[in-house]
Amino acid sequence: MKVHLIVAEPPAAYARRPRLVVDASVIAAALFAEPGFEHATAWMQGRALCAPHLVDFELANAALQKARRRAVSENAAAAALEALAALDLERLSVDMAEVLRLAARYDLTADDASYLWLAAAQGTPLATFDAALGAAAKSHLAGDAS
């Protein structure tokens, strides 16, 4: 008589990955092999990545600027955007009124404050190479009232 092992488990138990909000600087580092890209990709491995919807526009602009400065060819810039499209990255909406408040509070652009708002709303870490956004995130996500 053959014995068959049956293991039944809800999908969420093994599909769960820790979330990480990644800003355009982190994704650009990975897409264009910029300095620090090893750290960026190491943090992104095995995580459920998310960003505000504006991330695609920010990265398209970064690719365009790199091509215009001839830091990369136009084909390489387009290939990077194709890689972005294939990246498992959830794009989420943000609360613009709250983004405005965060931008004013921490002297950030609305773009940067969008990432900060999303990380706080999701209760997840934020990865960035931007010093001002990083400082704001350390303060805000730690719950500082300053």
C-alpha atoms as a PDB file:
ATOM      1  CA  MET A   1       0.000   0.000   0.000  1.00  0.00           C
ATOM      2  CA  LYS A   2       1.325   3.406  -1.043  1.00  0.00           C
ATOM      3  CA  VAL A   3       1.289   6.220   1.448  1.00  0.00           C
ATOM      4  CA  HIS A   4       0.781   9.738   0.080  1.00  0.00           C
ATOM      5  CA  LEU A   5       1.707  12.700   2.146  1.00  0.00           C
ATOM      6  CA  ILE A   6      -0.837  15.478   1.842  1.00  0.00           C
ATOM      7  CA  VAL A   7       0.019  18.931   3.094  1.00  0.00           C
ATOM      8  CA  ALA A   8      -2.733  21.528   2.996  1.00  0.00           C
ATOM      9  CA  GLU A   9      -1.883  25.120   3.798  1.00  0.00           C
ATOM     10  CA  PRO A  10      -3.530  28.427   2.981  1.00  0.00           C
ATOM     11  CA  PRO A  11      -1.640  30.247   0.209  1.00  0.00           C
ATOM     12  CA  ALA A  12      -1.065  33.330   2.362  1.00  0.00           C
ATOM     13  CA  ALA A  13       1.089  31.338   4.791  1.00  0.00           C
ATOM     14  CA  TYR A  14       3.844  30.803   2.245  1.00  0.00           C
ATOM     15  CA  ALA A  15       3.216  33.649  -0.187  1.00  0.00           C
ATOM     16  CA  ARG A  16       3.643  36.408   2.399  1.00  0.00           C
ATOM     17  CA  ARG A  17       6.651  38.613   1.763  1.00  0.00           C
ATOM     18  CA  PRO A  18       7.607  41.647   3.821  1.00  0.00           C
ATOM     19  CA  ARG A  19       6.620  44.879   2.099  1.00  0.00           C
ATOM     20  CA  LEU A  20       9.075  47.582   1.146  1.00  0.00           C
ATOM     21  CA  VAL A  21       8.327  51.023  -0.270  1.00  0.00           C
ATOM     22  CA  VAL A  22      11.050  51.812  -2.804  1.00  0.00           C
ATOM     23  CA  ASP A  23      11.562  55.270  -4.241  1.00  0.00           C
ATOM     24  CA  ALA A  24      12.785  56.103  -7.724  1.00  0.00           C
ATOM     25  CA  SER A  25      16.395  56.514  -6.551  1.00  0.00           C
ATOM     26  CA  VAL A  26      16.515  52.894  -5.397  1.00  0.00           C
ATOM     27  CA  ILE A  27      14.901  51.498  -8.523  1.00  0.00           C
ATOM     28  CA  ALA A  28      17.082  53.684 -10.775  1.00  0.00           C
ATOM     29  CA  ALA A  29      20.190  52.399  -8.980  1.00  0.00           C
ATOM     30  CA  ALA A  30      19.105  48.846  -9.739  1.00  0.00           C
ATOM     31  CA  LEU A  31      18.033  49.541 -13.333  1.00  0.00           C
ATOM     32  CA  PHE A  32      21.151  51.504 -14.289  1.00  0.00           C
ATOM     33  CA  ALA A  33      23.727  49.718 -12.088  1.00  0.00           C
ATOM     34  CA  GLU A  34      24.435  52.974 -10.264  1.00  0.00           C
ATOM     35  CA  PRO A  35      26.621  53.169  -7.156  1.00  0.00           C
ATOM     36  CA  GLY A  36      24.900  51.370  -4.314  1.00  0.00           C
ATOM     37  CA  PHE A  37      22.847  49.145  -6.590  1.00  0.00           C
ATOM     38  CA  GLU A  38      24.121  46.026  -4.769  1.00  0.00           C
ATOM     39  CA  HIS A  39      22.587  47.287  -1.529  1.00  0.00           C
ATOM     40  CA  ALA A  40      19.394  48.263  -3.315  1.00  0.00           C
ATOM     41  CA  THR A  41      18.914  44.893  -4.967  1.00  0.00           C
ATOM     42  CA  ALA A  42      19.795  43.042  -1.750  1.00  0.00           C
ATOM     43  CA  TRP A  43      17.053  44.936   0.115  1.00  0.00           C
ATOM     44  CA  MET A  44      14.563  44.358  -2.693  1.00  0.00           C
ATOM     45  CA  GLN A  45      15.137  40.567  -2.846  1.00  0.00           C
ATOM     46  CA  GLY A  46      12.231  38.577  -1.480  1.00  0.00           C
ATOM     47  CA  ARG A  47      10.137  41.637  -0.660  1.00  0.00           C
ATOM     48  CA  ALA A  48       6.772  42.804  -1.895  1.00  0.00           C
ATOM     49  CA  LEU A  49       7.768  46.097  -3.505  1.00  0.00           C
ATOM     50  CA  CYS A  50       5.425  49.061  -3.698  1.00  0.00           C
ATOM     51  CA  ALA A  51       5.592  52.717  -4.687  1.00  0.00           C
ATOM     52  CA  PRO A  52       3.233  55.571  -5.528  1.00  0.00           C
ATOM     53  CA  HIS A  53       1.918  55.685  -9.094  1.00  0.00           C
ATOM     54  CA  LEU A  54       4.276  58.563  -9.887  1.00  0.00           C
ATOM     55  CA  VAL A  55       7.295  56.232  -9.779  1.00  0.00           C
ATOM     56  CA  ASP A  56       6.943  55.359 -13.471  1.00  0.00           C
ATOM     57  CA  PHE A  57       7.049  59.016 -14.485  1.00  0.00           C
ATOM     58  CA  GLU A  58      10.035  59.715 -12.244  1.00  0.00           C
ATOM     59  CA  LEU A  59      11.945  56.791 -13.723  1.00  0.00           C
ATOM     60  CA  ALA A  60      11.001  57.683 -17.297  1.00  0.00           C
ATOM     61  CA  ASN A  61      12.338  61.165 -16.629  1.00  0.00           C
ATOM     62  CA  ALA A  62      15.533  59.743 -15.088  1.00  0.00           C
ATOM     63  CA  ALA A  63      16.046  57.537 -18.142  1.00  0.00           C
ATOM     64  CA  LEU A  64      15.452  60.493 -20.449  1.00  0.00           C
ATOM     65  CA  GLN A  65      17.944  62.661 -18.553  1.00  0.00           C
ATOM     66  CA  LYS A  66      20.565  59.903 -18.654  1.00  0.00           C
ATOM     67  CA  ALA A  67      20.074  59.547 -22.418  1.00  0.00           C
ATOM     68  CA  ARG A  68      20.244  63.314 -22.963  1.00  0.00           C
ATOM     69  CA  ARG A  69      23.480  63.528 -20.943  1.00  0.00           C
ATOM     70  CA  ARG A  70      24.724  60.530 -22.914  1.00  0.00           C
ATOM     71  CA  ALA A  71      25.309  58.620 -19.674  1.00  0.00           C
ATOM     72  CA  VAL A  72      23.442  55.761 -21.388  1.00  0.00           C
ATOM     73  CA  SER A  73      22.289  55.174 -24.925  1.00  0.00           C
ATOM     74  CA  GLU A  74      18.668  55.741 -25.843  1.00  0.00           C
ATOM     75  CA  ASN A  75      18.344  51.975 -26.353  1.00  0.00           C
ATOM     76  CA  ALA A  76      19.747  51.303 -22.873  1.00  0.00           C
ATOM     77  CA  ALA A  77      17.338  53.841 -21.382  1.00  0.00           C
ATOM     78  CA  ALA A  78      14.426  52.150 -23.168  1.00  0.00           C
ATOM     79  CA  ALA A  79      15.649  48.726 -22.000  1.00  0.00           C
ATOM     80  CA  ALA A  80      15.729  49.995 -18.410  1.00  0.00           C
ATOM     81  CA  LEU A  81      12.110  51.139 -18.726  1.00  0.00           C
ATOM     82  CA  GLU A  82      11.169  47.739 -20.147  1.00  0.00           C
ATOM     83  CA  ALA A  83      12.835  46.134 -17.115  1.00  0.00           C
ATOM     84  CA  LEU A  84      10.822  48.498 -14.910  1.00  0.00           C
ATOM     85  CA  ALA A  85       7.611  47.359 -16.583  1.00  0.00           C
ATOM     86  CA  ALA A  86       8.551  43.742 -15.817  1.00  0.00           C
ATOM     87  CA  LEU A  87       9.444  44.475 -12.179  1.00  0.00           C
ATOM     88  CA  ASP A  88       7.043  43.065  -9.609  1.00  0.00           C
ATOM     89  CA  LEU A  89       6.172  46.480  -8.193  1.00  0.00           C
ATOM     90  CA  GLU A  90       2.745  47.410  -6.901  1.00  0.00           C
ATOM     91  CA  ARG A  91       1.791  50.988  -7.755  1.00  0.00           C
ATOM     92  CA  LEU A  92      -0.497  52.565  -5.176  1.00  0.00           C
ATOM     93  CA  SER A  93      -2.507  55.755  -4.804  1.00  0.00           C
ATOM     94  CA  VAL A  94      -1.700  58.266  -2.090  1.00  0.00           C
ATOM     95  CA  ASP A  95      -3.706  60.766  -0.059  1.00  0.00           C
ATOM     96  CA  MET A  96      -2.649  64.054  -1.651  1.00  0.00           C
ATOM     97  CA  ALA A  97      -3.820  66.240   1.242  1.00  0.00           C
ATOM     98  CA  GLU A  98      -1.658  64.202   3.622  1.00  0.00           C
ATOM     99  CA  VAL A  99       1.219  64.271   1.133  1.00  0.00           C
ATOM    100  CA  LEU A 100       1.003  68.069   1.135  1.00  0.00           C
ATOM    101  CA  ARG A 101       1.127  68.125   4.933  1.00  0.00           C
ATOM    102  CA  LEU A 102       4.170  65.837   5.023  1.00  0.00           C
ATOM    103  CA  ALA A 103       5.938  67.830   2.311  1.00  0.00           C
ATOM    104  CA  ALA A 104       5.425  71.054   4.288  1.00  0.00           C
ATOM    105  CA  ARG A 105       6.361  69.449   7.615  1.00  0.00           C
ATOM    106  CA  TYR A 106       9.628  67.927   6.388  1.00  0.00           C
ATOM    107  CA  ASP A 107      10.484  70.405   3.614  1.00  0.00           C
ATOM    108  CA  LEU A 108      10.180  67.738   0.898  1.00  0.00           C
ATOM    109  CA  THR A 109       8.867  67.772  -2.636  1.00  0.00           C
ATOM    110  CA  ALA A 110       5.378  66.364  -3.053  1.00  0.00           C
ATOM    111  CA  ASP A 111       6.959  63.468  -4.976  1.00  0.00           C
ATOM    112  CA  ASP A 112       9.215  62.539  -2.062  1.00  0.00           C
ATOM    113  CA  ALA A 113       6.450  63.048   0.482  1.00  0.00           C
ATOM    114  CA  SER A 114       4.345  60.552  -1.521  1.00  0.00           C
ATOM    115  CA  TYR A 115       6.832  57.794  -0.726  1.00  0.00           C
ATOM    116  CA  LEU A 116       6.920  58.824   2.932  1.00  0.00           C
ATOM    117  CA  TRP A 117       3.130  58.855   3.180  1.00  0.00           C
ATOM    118  CA  LEU A 118       2.913  55.437   1.546  1.00  0.00           C
ATOM    119  CA  ALA A 119       5.479  53.887   3.894  1.00  0.00           C
ATOM    120  CA  ALA A 120       3.609  55.269   6.914  1.00  0.00           C
ATOM    121  CA  ALA A 121       0.219  54.168   5.564  1.00  0.00           C
ATOM    122  CA  GLN A 122       1.498  50.677   4.755  1.00  0.00           C
ATOM    123  CA  GLY A 123       3.418  50.384   8.025  1.00  0.00           C
ATOM    124  CA  THR A 124       6.479  49.322   6.095  1.00  0.00           C
ATOM    125  CA  PRO A 125      10.097  50.415   5.656  1.00  0.00           C
ATOM    126  CA  LEU A 126      11.062  52.975   3.032  1.00  0.00           C
ATOM    127  CA  ALA A 127      14.232  52.524   0.976  1.00  0.00           C
ATOM    128  CA  THR A 128      15.820  55.611  -0.585  1.00  0.00           C
ATOM    129  CA  PHE A 129      19.206  57.052  -1.515  1.00  0.00           C
ATOM    130  CA  ASP A 130      17.815  60.585  -1.037  1.00  0.00           C
ATOM    131  CA  ALA A 131      19.314  62.066   2.160  1.00  0.00           C
ATOM    132  CA  ALA A 132      16.462  64.514   2.861  1.00  0.00           C
ATOM    133  CA  LEU A 133      13.781  61.867   2.331  1.00  0.00           C
ATOM    134  CA  GLY A 134      15.761  59.376   4.398  1.00  0.00           C
ATOM    135  CA  ALA A 135      16.056  61.804   7.320  1.00  0.00           C
ATOM    136  CA  ALA A 136      12.344  62.618   7.128  1.00  0.00           C
ATOM    137  CA  ALA A 137      11.480  58.916   6.985  1.00  0.00           C
ATOM    138  CA  LYS A 138      13.652  58.088  10.000  1.00  0.00           C
ATOM    139  CA  SER A 139      11.907  60.800  11.993  1.00  0.00           C
ATOM    140  CA  HIS A 140       8.359  60.244  10.748  1.00  0.00           C
ATOM    141  CA  LEU A 141       8.319  56.453  10.732  1.00  0.00           C
ATOM    142  CA  ALA A 142       9.825  56.386  14.225  1.00  0.00           C
ATOM    143  CA  GLY A 143       6.844  58.455  15.377  1.00  0.00           C
ATOM    144  CA  ASP A 144       8.696  61.670  16.229  1.00  0.00           C
ATOM    145  CA  ALA A 145       6.247  64.503  16.784  1.00  0.00           C
ATOM    146  CA  SER A 146       8.786  67.203  15.846  1.00  0.00           C
END
